[in-house]
C-alpha atoms as a PDB file:
ATOM      1  CA  MET A   1       1.399   3.054   1.311  1.00  0.00           C
ATOM      2  CA  ALA A   2       2.937   4.477  -1.820  1.00  0.00           C
ATOM      3  CA  THR A   3       5.013   7.493  -2.649  1.00  0.00           C
ATOM      4  CA  MET A   4       4.738  10.303  -5.068  1.00  0.00           C
ATOM      5  CA  ALA A   5       8.303  10.558  -6.229  1.00  0.00           C
ATOM      6  CA  GLY A   6       9.150  14.063  -7.060  1.00  0.00           C
ATOM      7  CA  LEU A   7       5.939  15.772  -5.864  1.00  0.00           C
ATOM      8  CA  ALA A   8       8.008  17.985  -3.617  1.00  0.00           C
ATOM      9  CA  ALA A   9      10.276  18.941  -6.477  1.00  0.00           C
ATOM     10  CA  ALA A  10       7.301  19.337  -8.790  1.00  0.00           C
ATOM     11  CA  ALA A  11       5.575  21.623  -6.283  1.00  0.00           C
ATOM     12  CA  CYS A  12       8.656  23.826  -6.152  1.00  0.00           C
ATOM     13  CA  VAL A  13       9.030  23.776  -9.935  1.00  0.00           C
ATOM     14  CA  VAL A  14       5.339  24.549 -10.441  1.00  0.00           C
ATOM     15  CA  THR A  15       5.560  27.451  -7.991  1.00  0.00           C
ATOM     16  CA  ALA A  16       8.760  28.768  -9.588  1.00  0.00           C
ATOM     17  CA  ALA A  17       7.420  28.275 -13.109  1.00  0.00           C
ATOM     18  CA  SER A  18       4.120  29.912 -12.178  1.00  0.00           C
ATOM     19  CA  SER A  19       5.996  32.850 -10.685  1.00  0.00           C
ATOM     20  CA  ALA A  20       8.110  33.258 -13.808  1.00  0.00           C
ATOM     21  CA  THR A  21       5.074  32.931 -16.066  1.00  0.00           C
ATOM     22  CA  LEU A  22       3.067  35.293 -13.919  1.00  0.00           C
ATOM     23  CA  ALA A  23       5.838  37.885 -13.909  1.00  0.00           C
ATOM     24  CA  ALA A  24       5.691  37.964 -17.681  1.00  0.00           C
ATOM     25  CA  ALA A  25       1.892  38.035 -17.585  1.00  0.00           C
ATOM     26  CA  ALA A  26       1.588  40.825 -14.995  1.00  0.00           C
ATOM     27  CA  PRO A  27       0.093  43.364 -17.453  1.00  0.00           C
ATOM     28  CA  LEU A  28      -2.800  40.944 -18.062  1.00  0.00           C
ATOM     29  CA  ARG A  29      -4.411  41.712 -14.709  1.00  0.00           C
ATOM     30  CA  SER A  30      -7.793  42.135 -16.407  1.00  0.00           C
ATOM     31  CA  ALA A  31      -7.537  38.449 -17.365  1.00  0.00           C
ATOM     32  CA  GLY A  32      -7.398  37.555 -13.660  1.00  0.00           C
ATOM     33  CA  ILE A  33      -3.785  36.407 -13.554  1.00  0.00           C
ATOM     34  CA  GLY A  34      -0.659  38.016 -12.171  1.00  0.00           C
ATOM     35  CA  GLN A  35       1.166  38.716  -8.927  1.00  0.00           C
ATOM     36  CA  PHE A  36      -0.451  40.884  -6.300  1.00  0.00           C
ATOM     37  CA  ALA A  37       0.867  42.711  -3.246  1.00  0.00           C
ATOM     38  CA  SER A  38      -2.355  42.362  -1.242  1.00  0.00           C
ATOM     39  CA  TRP A  39      -4.800  39.585  -0.524  1.00  0.00           C
ATOM     40  CA  ARG A  40      -7.707  41.854  -1.499  1.00  0.00           C
ATOM     41  CA  ALA A  41      -6.203  42.517  -4.954  1.00  0.00           C
ATOM     42  CA  ALA A  42      -5.524  38.791  -5.441  1.00  0.00           C
ATOM     43  CA  GLN A  43      -9.110  37.994  -4.452  1.00  0.00           C
ATOM     44  CA  HIS A  44     -10.446  40.525  -6.943  1.00  0.00           C
ATOM     45  CA  ALA A  45      -8.327  38.987  -9.718  1.00  0.00           C
ATOM     46  CA  ALA A  46      -9.221  35.407  -8.772  1.00  0.00           C
ATOM     47  CA  GLY A  47     -12.933  36.154  -8.652  1.00  0.00           C
ATOM     48  CA  PHE A  48     -13.735  34.053  -5.584  1.00  0.00           C
ATOM     49  CA  GLN A  49     -13.556  34.397  -1.794  1.00  0.00           C
ATOM     50  CA  LEU A  50     -10.010  33.763  -0.536  1.00  0.00           C
ATOM     51  CA  LEU A  51      -8.714  32.794   2.865  1.00  0.00           C
ATOM     52  CA  ARG A  52      -5.491  34.296   4.240  1.00  0.00           C
ATOM     53  CA  PRO A  53      -3.389  33.028   7.148  1.00  0.00           C
ATOM     54  CA  THR A  54      -3.288  34.972  10.411  1.00  0.00           C
ATOM     55  CA  LYS A  55      -0.348  32.898  11.708  1.00  0.00           C
ATOM     56  CA  ALA A  56       2.758  32.205   9.648  1.00  0.00           C
ATOM     57  CA  PHE A  57       4.918  31.104  12.590  1.00  0.00           C
ATOM     58  CA  SER A  58       7.447  33.934  12.123  1.00  0.00           C
ATOM     59  CA  LEU A  59       7.948  33.107   8.438  1.00  0.00           C
ATOM     60  CA  PRO A  60       7.713  36.169   6.149  1.00  0.00           C
ATOM     61  CA  ILE A  61       5.773  36.055   2.898  1.00  0.00           C
ATOM     62  CA  THR A  62       8.314  35.245   0.167  1.00  0.00           C
ATOM     63  CA  ASN A  63       6.792  36.936  -2.874  1.00  0.00           C
ATOM     64  CA  LYS A  64       3.629  38.534  -3.998  1.00  0.00           C
ATOM     65  CA  ILE A  65       0.480  36.435  -4.054  1.00  0.00           C
ATOM     66  CA  SER A  66       0.241  34.565  -7.372  1.00  0.00           C
ATOM     67  CA  VAL A  67      -2.994  34.108  -9.300  1.00  0.00           C
ATOM     68  CA  ALA A  68      -2.824  31.725 -12.259  1.00  0.00           C
ATOM     69  CA  ARG A  69      -5.077  29.571 -14.384  1.00  0.00           C
ATOM     70  CA  CYS A  70      -5.984  26.097 -13.165  1.00  0.00           C
ATOM     71  CA  GLU A  71      -4.722  24.276 -16.234  1.00  0.00           C
ATOM     72  CA  ILE A  72      -5.187  20.603 -15.457  1.00  0.00           C
ATOM     73  CA  SER A  73      -7.832  20.362 -18.189  1.00  0.00           C
ATOM     74  CA  LYS A  74      -9.477  22.584 -20.783  1.00  0.00           C
ATOM     75  CA  LYS A  75     -12.667  22.344 -18.753  1.00  0.00           C
ATOM     76  CA  LYS A  76     -10.945  23.975 -15.762  1.00  0.00           C
ATOM     77  CA  ALA A  77      -8.861  26.545 -17.661  1.00  0.00           C
ATOM     78  CA  LYS A  78     -11.223  29.351 -16.618  1.00  0.00           C
ATOM     79  CA  LYS A  79     -10.748  28.497 -12.949  1.00  0.00           C
ATOM     80  CA  ARG A  80      -8.113  30.281 -10.867  1.00  0.00           C
ATOM     81  CA  LEU A  81      -5.300  29.015  -8.629  1.00  0.00           C
ATOM     82  CA  VAL A  82      -3.997  31.316  -5.877  1.00  0.00           C
ATOM     83  CA  ILE A  83      -0.660  30.609  -4.139  1.00  0.00           C
ATOM     84  CA  ALA A  84       1.076  32.388  -1.267  1.00  0.00           C
ATOM     85  CA  SER A  85       4.347  31.140   0.256  1.00  0.00           C
ATOM     86  CA  TYR A  86       5.937  31.984   3.590  1.00  0.00           C
ATOM     87  CA  GLY A  87       9.559  31.332   4.559  1.00  0.00           C
ATOM     88  CA  ARG A  88      12.676  32.590   2.843  1.00  0.00           C
ATOM     89  CA  THR A  89      14.926  29.626   3.562  1.00  0.00           C
ATOM     90  CA  VAL A  90      15.200  26.094   2.271  1.00  0.00           C
ATOM     91  CA  ARG A  91      14.907  24.909   5.873  1.00  0.00           C
ATOM     92  CA  ALA A  92      11.313  25.975   6.493  1.00  0.00           C
ATOM     93  CA  ASN A  93       8.370  26.848   4.284  1.00  0.00           C
ATOM     94  CA  LEU A  94       4.598  27.159   4.562  1.00  0.00           C
ATOM     95  CA  THR A  95       2.408  27.591   1.484  1.00  0.00           C
ATOM     96  CA  ILE A  96      -1.321  27.976   1.021  1.00  0.00           C
ATOM     97  CA  SER A  97      -2.914  27.343  -2.349  1.00  0.00           C
ATOM     98  CA  GLN A  98      -6.589  27.579  -3.143  1.00  0.00           C
ATOM     99  CA  ASN A  99      -8.543  27.206  -6.344  1.00  0.00           C
ATOM    100  CA  ASN A 100     -12.169  27.462  -7.359  1.00  0.00           C
ATOM    101  CA  SER A 101     -12.265  24.256  -9.400  1.00  0.00           C
ATOM    102  CA  GLY A 102     -13.163  22.122  -6.368  1.00  0.00           C
ATOM    103  CA  SER A 103     -10.322  19.685  -7.056  1.00  0.00           C
ATOM    104  CA  PRO A 104      -6.513  19.796  -7.443  1.00  0.00           C
ATOM    105  CA  CYS A 105      -5.065  21.828 -10.332  1.00  0.00           C
ATOM    106  CA  THR A 106      -2.113  19.429 -10.546  1.00  0.00           C
ATOM    107  CA  ARG A 107      -1.906  15.696 -10.903  1.00  0.00           C
ATOM    108  CA  THR A 108      -0.500  13.854  -7.923  1.00  0.00           C
ATOM    109  CA  ARG A 109       0.718  10.354  -7.372  1.00  0.00           C
ATOM    110  CA  LYS A 110      -0.002   8.225  -4.367  1.00  0.00           C
ATOM    111  CA  VAL A 111       1.519   9.404  -1.110  1.00  0.00           C
ATOM    112  CA  THR A 112       1.677   8.288   2.510  1.00  0.00           C
ATOM    113  CA  LEU A 113      -1.519   9.014   4.409  1.00  0.00           C
ATOM    114  CA  LEU A 114      -0.621  10.547   7.765  1.00  0.00           C
ATOM    115  CA  GLY A 115      -4.044  11.292   9.213  1.00  0.00           C
ATOM    116  CA  HIS A 116      -7.126  13.478   9.213  1.00  0.00           C
ATOM    117  CA  TYR A 117      -7.734  16.780  10.982  1.00  0.00           C
ATOM    118  CA  LEU A 118     -10.604  19.194  11.396  1.00  0.00           C
ATOM    119  CA  VAL A 119      -9.801  22.499   9.665  1.00  0.00           C
ATOM    120  CA  LEU A 120     -12.346  25.309   9.755  1.00  0.00           C
ATOM    121  CA  GLY A 121     -15.143  22.787  10.244  1.00  0.00           C
ATOM    122  CA  HIS A 122     -14.079  20.524   7.366  1.00  0.00           C
ATOM    123  CA  ARG A 123     -12.294  17.173   7.305  1.00  0.00           C
ATOM    124  CA  ALA A 124      -8.759  17.660   6.005  1.00  0.00           C
ATOM    125  CA  THR A 125      -6.400  14.907   4.883  1.00  0.00           C
ATOM    126  CA  LEU A 126      -2.709  15.039   5.772  1.00  0.00           C
ATOM    127  CA  ILE A 127      -0.332  13.282   3.396  1.00  0.00           C
ATOM    128  CA  GLY A 128       3.450  13.240   3.223  1.00  0.00           C
ATOM    129  CA  ASP A 129       6.260  12.572   0.800  1.00  0.00           C
ATOM    130  CA  CYS A 130       7.884  10.062   3.157  1.00  0.00           C
ATOM    131  CA  GLY A 131       8.007   6.580   4.599  1.00  0.00           C
ATOM    132  CA  VAL A 132       9.094   4.496   1.624  1.00  0.00           C
ATOM    133  CA  ARG A 133      12.436   3.327   0.347  1.00  0.00           C
ATOM    134  CA  GLY A 134      14.562   6.229  -0.789  1.00  0.00           C
ATOM    135  CA  LEU A 135      12.607   8.827   1.173  1.00  0.00           C
ATOM    136  CA  PRO A 136      12.993  10.063   4.763  1.00  0.00           C
ATOM    137  CA  SER A 137      11.011   8.647   7.640  1.00  0.00           C
ATOM    138  CA  CYS A 138       7.581  10.199   8.181  1.00  0.00           C
ATOM    139  CA  LYS A 139       8.815  11.202  11.652  1.00  0.00           C
ATOM    140  CA  SER A 140      11.481  13.456  10.122  1.00  0.00           C
ATOM    141  CA  ALA A 141      10.934  17.214  10.124  1.00  0.00           C
ATOM    142  CA  LYS A 142      12.620  17.453   6.708  1.00  0.00           C
ATOM    143  CA  ILE A 143       9.712  16.191   4.619  1.00  0.00           C
ATOM    144  CA  PHE A 144       6.990  17.769   2.533  1.00  0.00           C
ATOM    145  CA  LEU A 145       3.574  17.640   4.175  1.00  0.00           C
ATOM    146  CA  PHE A 146       0.302  18.406   2.386  1.00  0.00           C
ATOM    147  CA  LEU A 147      -2.992  19.130   4.138  1.00  0.00           C
ATOM    148  CA  THR A 148      -5.945  19.208   1.731  1.00  0.00           C
ATOM    149  CA  TRP A 149      -9.672  19.868   2.055  1.00  0.00           C
ATOM    150  CA  ARG A 150     -12.663  21.198   0.132  1.00  0.00           C
ATOM    151  CA  ALA A 151     -15.213  23.790   1.220  1.00  0.00           C
ATOM    152  CA  ARG A 152     -17.946  25.586  -0.745  1.00  0.00           C
ATOM    153  CA  GLY A 153     -16.518  24.608  -4.146  1.00  0.00           C
ATOM    154  CA  VAL A 154     -12.970  25.669  -3.268  1.00  0.00           C
ATOM    155  CA  TYR A 155     -10.061  23.234  -2.985  1.00  0.00           C
ATOM    156  CA  TYR A 156      -7.429  24.150  -0.379  1.00  0.00           C
ATOM    157  CA  GLN A 157      -3.914  22.805   0.078  1.00  0.00           C
ATOM    158  CA  ALA A 158      -1.616  23.878   2.898  1.00  0.00           C
ATOM    159  CA  MET A 159       1.925  22.645   2.318  1.00  0.00           C
ATOM    160  CA  SER A 160       5.014  22.673   4.516  1.00  0.00           C
ATOM    161  CA  TYR A 161       8.643  21.683   4.469  1.00  0.00           C
ATOM    162  CA  GLY A 162      10.777  21.579   7.589  1.00  0.00           C
ATOM    163  CA  GLU A 163       7.801  22.193   9.864  1.00  0.00           C
ATOM    164  CA  SER A 164       5.950  19.841  12.193  1.00  0.00           C
ATOM    165  CA  ARG A 165       2.465  18.524  11.552  1.00  0.00           C
ATOM    166  CA  ASN A 166       1.161  20.747  14.349  1.00  0.00           C
ATOM    167  CA  VAL A 167       2.598  23.863  12.706  1.00  0.00           C
ATOM    168  CA  LEU A 168       1.014  22.965   9.352  1.00  0.00           C
ATOM    169  CA  VAL A 169      -2.371  22.266  10.948  1.00  0.00           C
ATOM    170  CA  GLY A 170      -2.111  25.491  13.003  1.00  0.00           C
ATOM    171  CA  PHE A 171      -1.289  27.428   9.826  1.00  0.00           C
ATOM    172  CA  ALA A 172      -4.356  25.979   8.082  1.00  0.00           C
ATOM    173  CA  ARG A 173      -6.615  26.591  11.077  1.00  0.00           C
ATOM    174  CA  SER A 174      -5.503  30.231  11.213  1.00  0.00           C
ATOM    175  CA  LEU A 175      -7.044  31.023   7.806  1.00  0.00           C
ATOM    176  CA  VAL A 176      -9.659  33.779   7.742  1.00  0.00           C
ATOM    177  CA  ARG A 177     -11.704  35.403   4.984  1.00  0.00           C
ATOM    178  CA  VAL A 178     -10.066  38.268   3.136  1.00  0.00           C
END
C-alpha cells in the first residue's frame, strides 16, 4: 500500500490549469478544445461518445464542460480529455473525466487500493489518497477517491472529495449516453 503524494493537489491544479488554458483557447473550437455549456456541444468537440451523470447528489455543475488535449505523450496528443465538475465548495466535489486514449492522460503514483465495483457492466477500481503516514485514514470522508474503468476504448475516472464511496459509485453508475 503506497501513496500518491500530491495527486489530489495535482488533480485540482490540472483542472484549474486546464480551465485557464481552455478559457484562452475558447476561439479554437474547430480544433476540438474549449469550454462548452452543453454535453452535446462538448461531445461534438471531443469527437467521441460521452457519458453524462444523471445524479450529482444536489451538487451543481461548477463550470462549463472542458475539452482539452490528452497530452501525456505525443502519440496521444490528438486524443481528447473531457472534464465536468460538480460542487461549488471545498467540502464536497464530484468530477467525471473521460478520454478516448484508452488510458490515463496524467501520470499517477501508487495509491491505496480500496476495492472493485461494477459500473455500467465494467469492472471499476476504487483507489484513494489515504491510509499512509501523513495522510488521513481511508475511513475519513475528507479524502480524494478515484474510481476508474475502461469501456470501448474510452478511459473513465470519477473523482470525489468529501463524499462517501457509495456516493462516488452512485455518481458513476448514473452515467448515461449524451
